[in-house]
Amino acid sequence: MKKMVKIVGLALGASMMVSSAFAMDSSFDAMSKAGTHSFYVWCTGGKSSVQTADGSNAKDAQAKLAAKNGNSCWPVWQGLKGASDS
């Protein structure tokens, strides 16, 4: 029983460390901040993916990804990456 509790505790601790490493700020205020913004790039034809772009704000980063991915894709903002590190 002690071994099981220890394993569960270690797994829980590891998952908390991983989730904090990928923390994003998806608040309304984060959209106006400069940095690396994360987007779900939705594409017709099944080539959708998660991508990031640097920008002075979310709209600037979104425009960069839209230009890069062409007319059949649209980036949907997910959050500002690494916001919890600051």
N, C-alpha and C. Protein backbone atom coordinates (compact mmCIF):
# COMPACT_ATOMS: atom_id res chain seq x y z
N MET A 1 0.82 -1.20 0.00
CA MET A 1 0.00 0.00 0.00
C MET A 1 0.86 1.26 0.00
N LYS A 2 1.95 1.25 0.81
CA LYS A 2 2.83 2.42 0.86
C LYS A 2 3.48 2.67 -0.50
N LYS A 3 3.84 1.59 -1.18
CA LYS A 3 4.47 1.71 -2.48
C LYS A 3 3.49 2.35 -3.48
N MET A 4 2.23 1.96 -3.43
CA MET A 4 1.21 2.50 -4.33
C MET A 4 1.00 3.99 -4.07
N VAL A 5 0.95 4.38 -2.81
CA VAL A 5 0.77 5.79 -2.46
C VAL A 5 1.96 6.61 -2.95
N LYS A 6 3.15 6.06 -2.80
CA LYS A 6 4.36 6.74 -3.25
C LYS A 6 4.35 6.93 -4.77
N ILE A 7 3.95 5.91 -5.50
CA ILE A 7 3.90 5.98 -6.97
C ILE A 7 2.87 7.01 -7.41
N VAL A 8 1.70 7.01 -6.80
CA VAL A 8 0.66 7.97 -7.14
C VAL A 8 1.13 9.39 -6.83
N GLY A 9 1.80 9.58 -5.69
CA GLY A 9 2.33 10.89 -5.31
C GLY A 9 3.37 11.39 -6.30
N LEU A 10 4.27 10.51 -6.72
CA LEU A 10 5.28 10.89 -7.70
C LEU A 10 4.66 11.25 -9.04
N ALA A 11 3.68 10.48 -9.47
CA ALA A 11 3.00 10.76 -10.74
C ALA A 11 2.27 12.09 -10.69
N LEU A 12 1.62 12.36 -9.58
CA LEU A 12 0.91 13.63 -9.41
C LEU A 12 1.87 14.80 -9.42
N GLY A 13 2.98 14.67 -8.72
CA GLY A 13 3.99 15.73 -8.70
C GLY A 13 4.58 15.98 -10.07
N ALA A 14 4.86 14.93 -10.82
CA ALA A 14 5.41 15.08 -12.16
C ALA A 14 4.41 15.75 -13.09
N SER A 15 3.14 15.40 -12.98
CA SER A 15 2.14 16.02 -13.85
C SER A 15 1.97 17.49 -13.53
N MET A 16 2.10 17.88 -12.27
CA MET A 16 1.99 19.28 -11.90
C MET A 16 3.17 20.08 -12.46
N MET A 17 4.38 19.49 -12.46
CA MET A 17 5.55 20.17 -13.01
C MET A 17 5.42 20.34 -14.51
N VAL A 18 4.94 19.34 -15.20
CA VAL A 18 4.77 19.41 -16.65
C VAL A 18 3.72 20.45 -17.02
N SER A 19 2.60 20.47 -16.32
CA SER A 19 1.55 21.42 -16.66
C SER A 19 1.99 22.85 -16.42
N SER A 20 2.83 23.11 -15.42
CA SER A 20 3.30 24.47 -15.18
C SER A 20 4.31 24.90 -16.24
N ALA A 21 5.02 23.95 -16.83
CA ALA A 21 5.99 24.28 -17.88
C ALA A 21 5.28 24.74 -19.15
N PHE A 22 4.05 24.32 -19.35
CA PHE A 22 3.30 24.68 -20.54
C PHE A 22 2.19 25.68 -20.26
N ALA A 23 2.28 26.36 -19.13
CA ALA A 23 1.22 27.29 -18.73
C ALA A 23 1.08 28.43 -19.73
N MET A 24 -0.17 28.77 -20.01
CA MET A 24 -0.47 29.88 -20.89
C MET A 24 -1.45 30.80 -20.20
N ASP A 25 -1.31 32.08 -20.51
CA ASP A 25 -2.27 33.06 -20.01
C ASP A 25 -3.28 33.29 -21.13
N SER A 26 -4.51 32.88 -20.91
CA SER A 26 -5.55 33.05 -21.93
C SER A 26 -6.56 34.12 -21.52
N SER A 27 -6.13 35.01 -20.63
CA SER A 27 -7.02 36.09 -20.21
C SER A 27 -7.15 37.14 -21.32
N PHE A 28 -8.17 37.95 -21.21
CA PHE A 28 -8.40 39.01 -22.20
C PHE A 28 -7.21 39.96 -22.26
N ASP A 29 -6.62 40.28 -21.11
CA ASP A 29 -5.47 41.18 -21.07
C ASP A 29 -4.25 40.63 -21.79
N ALA A 30 -4.07 39.32 -21.80
CA ALA A 30 -2.91 38.70 -22.44
C ALA A 30 -2.91 38.92 -23.95
N MET A 31 -4.08 39.15 -24.52
CA MET A 31 -4.15 39.37 -25.97
C MET A 31 -3.41 40.64 -26.39
N SER A 32 -3.29 41.60 -25.49
CA SER A 32 -2.65 42.87 -25.83
C SER A 32 -1.16 42.89 -25.50
N LYS A 33 -0.63 41.81 -24.96
CA LYS A 33 0.78 41.75 -24.57
C LYS A 33 1.65 41.20 -25.69
N ALA A 34 2.89 41.69 -25.72
CA ALA A 34 3.89 41.18 -26.67
C ALA A 34 4.43 39.85 -26.15
N GLY A 35 4.82 38.98 -27.07
CA GLY A 35 5.41 37.71 -26.69
C GLY A 35 5.07 36.61 -27.68
N THR A 36 5.24 35.38 -27.24
CA THR A 36 4.95 34.22 -28.08
C THR A 36 3.52 33.78 -27.81
N HIS A 37 2.70 33.90 -28.83
CA HIS A 37 1.29 33.55 -28.73
C HIS A 37 1.06 32.18 -29.36
N SER A 38 0.19 31.40 -28.76
CA SER A 38 -0.13 30.06 -29.26
C SER A 38 -1.49 30.08 -29.94
N PHE A 39 -1.58 29.38 -31.07
CA PHE A 39 -2.81 29.33 -31.86
C PHE A 39 -3.11 27.91 -32.28
N TYR A 40 -4.40 27.59 -32.34
CA TYR A 40 -4.84 26.38 -33.03
C TYR A 40 -5.13 26.85 -34.45
N VAL A 41 -4.35 26.35 -35.40
CA VAL A 41 -4.52 26.76 -36.79
C VAL A 41 -5.45 25.76 -37.46
N TRP A 42 -6.69 26.22 -37.68
CA TRP A 42 -7.73 25.39 -38.29
C TRP A 42 -7.62 25.51 -39.80
N CYS A 43 -7.51 24.39 -40.50
CA CYS A 43 -7.37 24.39 -41.95
C CYS A 43 -8.39 23.46 -42.59
N THR A 44 -8.91 23.88 -43.73
CA THR A 44 -9.74 22.97 -44.51
C THR A 44 -8.81 21.93 -45.12
N GLY A 45 -9.29 20.74 -45.29
CA GLY A 45 -8.46 19.68 -45.85
C GLY A 45 -7.72 18.88 -44.79
N GLY A 46 -7.96 19.15 -43.51
CA GLY A 46 -7.40 18.32 -42.45
C GLY A 46 -5.96 18.56 -42.07
N LYS A 47 -5.39 19.73 -42.34
CA LYS A 47 -4.00 20.00 -41.97
C LYS A 47 -3.92 20.90 -40.73
N SER A 48 -4.90 20.85 -39.88
CA SER A 48 -4.93 21.69 -38.69
C SER A 48 -3.80 21.31 -37.73
N SER A 49 -3.32 22.31 -36.97
CA SER A 49 -2.21 22.07 -36.04
C SER A 49 -2.16 23.18 -35.00
N VAL A 50 -1.32 22.99 -34.00
CA VAL A 50 -1.05 24.02 -33.01
C VAL A 50 0.28 24.66 -33.40
N GLN A 51 0.29 26.00 -33.50
CA GLN A 51 1.50 26.73 -33.88
C GLN A 51 1.65 27.95 -32.99
N THR A 52 2.88 28.47 -32.93
CA THR A 52 3.15 29.68 -32.17
C THR A 52 3.74 30.74 -33.09
N ALA A 53 3.57 32.00 -32.68
CA ALA A 53 4.17 33.12 -33.40
C ALA A 53 4.44 34.24 -32.42
N ASP A 54 5.55 34.93 -32.62
CA ASP A 54 5.87 36.10 -31.82
C ASP A 54 5.17 37.30 -32.42
N GLY A 55 4.72 38.20 -31.56
CA GLY A 55 4.07 39.41 -32.04
C GLY A 55 3.98 40.46 -30.95
N SER A 56 3.70 41.69 -31.36
CA SER A 56 3.54 42.78 -30.41
C SER A 56 2.24 42.62 -29.62
N ASN A 57 1.32 41.82 -30.15
CA ASN A 57 0.08 41.44 -29.48
C ASN A 57 -0.49 40.22 -30.22
N ALA A 58 -1.63 39.73 -29.77
CA ALA A 58 -2.21 38.52 -30.38
C ALA A 58 -2.60 38.76 -31.83
N LYS A 59 -3.13 39.93 -32.13
CA LYS A 59 -3.56 40.23 -33.49
C LYS A 59 -2.38 40.23 -34.46
N ASP A 60 -1.26 40.80 -34.03
CA ASP A 60 -0.05 40.83 -34.85
C ASP A 60 0.46 39.40 -35.11
N ALA A 61 0.52 38.59 -34.05
CA ALA A 61 0.97 37.21 -34.20
C ALA A 61 0.02 36.41 -35.08
N GLN A 62 -1.28 36.65 -34.93
CA GLN A 62 -2.28 35.96 -35.74
C GLN A 62 -2.11 36.30 -37.22
N ALA A 63 -1.85 37.57 -37.52
CA ALA A 63 -1.66 37.99 -38.91
C ALA A 63 -0.44 37.31 -39.52
N LYS A 64 0.61 37.14 -38.75
CA LYS A 64 1.82 36.46 -39.24
C LYS A 64 1.53 35.00 -39.58
N LEU A 65 0.78 34.32 -38.70
CA LEU A 65 0.45 32.92 -38.99
C LEU A 65 -0.53 32.79 -40.15
N ALA A 66 -1.46 33.72 -40.26
CA ALA A 66 -2.42 33.68 -41.37
C ALA A 66 -1.69 33.84 -42.70
N ALA A 67 -0.73 34.74 -42.76
CA ALA A 67 0.05 34.94 -43.99
C ALA A 67 0.90 33.70 -44.30
N LYS A 68 1.46 33.11 -43.28
CA LYS A 68 2.32 31.93 -43.46
C LYS A 68 1.53 30.72 -43.94
N ASN A 69 0.31 30.53 -43.42
CA ASN A 69 -0.46 29.31 -43.70
C ASN A 69 -1.38 29.39 -44.91
N GLY A 70 -1.60 30.56 -45.46
CA GLY A 70 -2.40 30.68 -46.67
C GLY A 70 -3.89 30.83 -46.41
N ASN A 71 -4.64 30.89 -47.51
CA ASN A 71 -6.07 31.19 -47.48
C ASN A 71 -6.96 30.07 -46.95
N SER A 72 -6.45 28.85 -46.87
CA SER A 72 -7.30 27.75 -46.42
C SER A 72 -7.18 27.47 -44.92
N CYS A 73 -6.46 28.35 -44.19
CA CYS A 73 -6.26 28.15 -42.75
C CYS A 73 -6.57 29.43 -41.99
N TRP A 74 -7.00 29.28 -40.72
CA TRP A 74 -7.24 30.42 -39.86
C TRP A 74 -6.75 30.12 -38.45
N PRO A 75 -5.83 30.96 -37.92
CA PRO A 75 -5.33 30.76 -36.56
C PRO A 75 -6.33 31.25 -35.52
N VAL A 76 -6.62 30.40 -34.54
CA VAL A 76 -7.52 30.74 -33.44
C VAL A 76 -6.67 30.85 -32.18
N TRP A 77 -6.67 32.02 -31.57
CA TRP A 77 -5.81 32.30 -30.42
C TRP A 77 -6.13 31.41 -29.24
N GLN A 78 -5.07 30.87 -28.62
CA GLN A 78 -5.23 30.00 -27.44
C GLN A 78 -4.68 30.66 -26.17
N GLY A 79 -3.61 31.44 -26.32
CA GLY A 79 -3.04 32.10 -25.14
C GLY A 79 -1.63 32.58 -25.37
N LEU A 80 -1.12 33.30 -24.37
CA LEU A 80 0.25 33.80 -24.38
C LEU A 80 1.11 32.78 -23.67
N LYS A 81 2.09 32.22 -24.37
CA LYS A 81 2.92 31.16 -23.81
C LYS A 81 3.89 31.70 -22.78
N GLY A 82 4.13 30.88 -21.76
CA GLY A 82 5.12 31.21 -20.75
C GLY A 82 4.75 32.38 -19.87
N ALA A 83 3.49 32.75 -19.85
CA ALA A 83 3.05 33.91 -19.08
C ALA A 83 3.24 33.72 -17.59
N SER A 84 3.23 32.50 -17.11
CA SER A 84 3.37 32.28 -15.68
C SER A 84 4.81 32.41 -15.22
N ASP A 85 5.77 32.42 -16.17
CA ASP A 85 7.18 32.52 -15.83
C ASP A 85 7.59 33.94 -15.48
N SER A 86 6.80 34.95 -15.88
CA SER A 86 7.18 36.33 -15.65
C SER A 86 6.72 36.84 -14.31
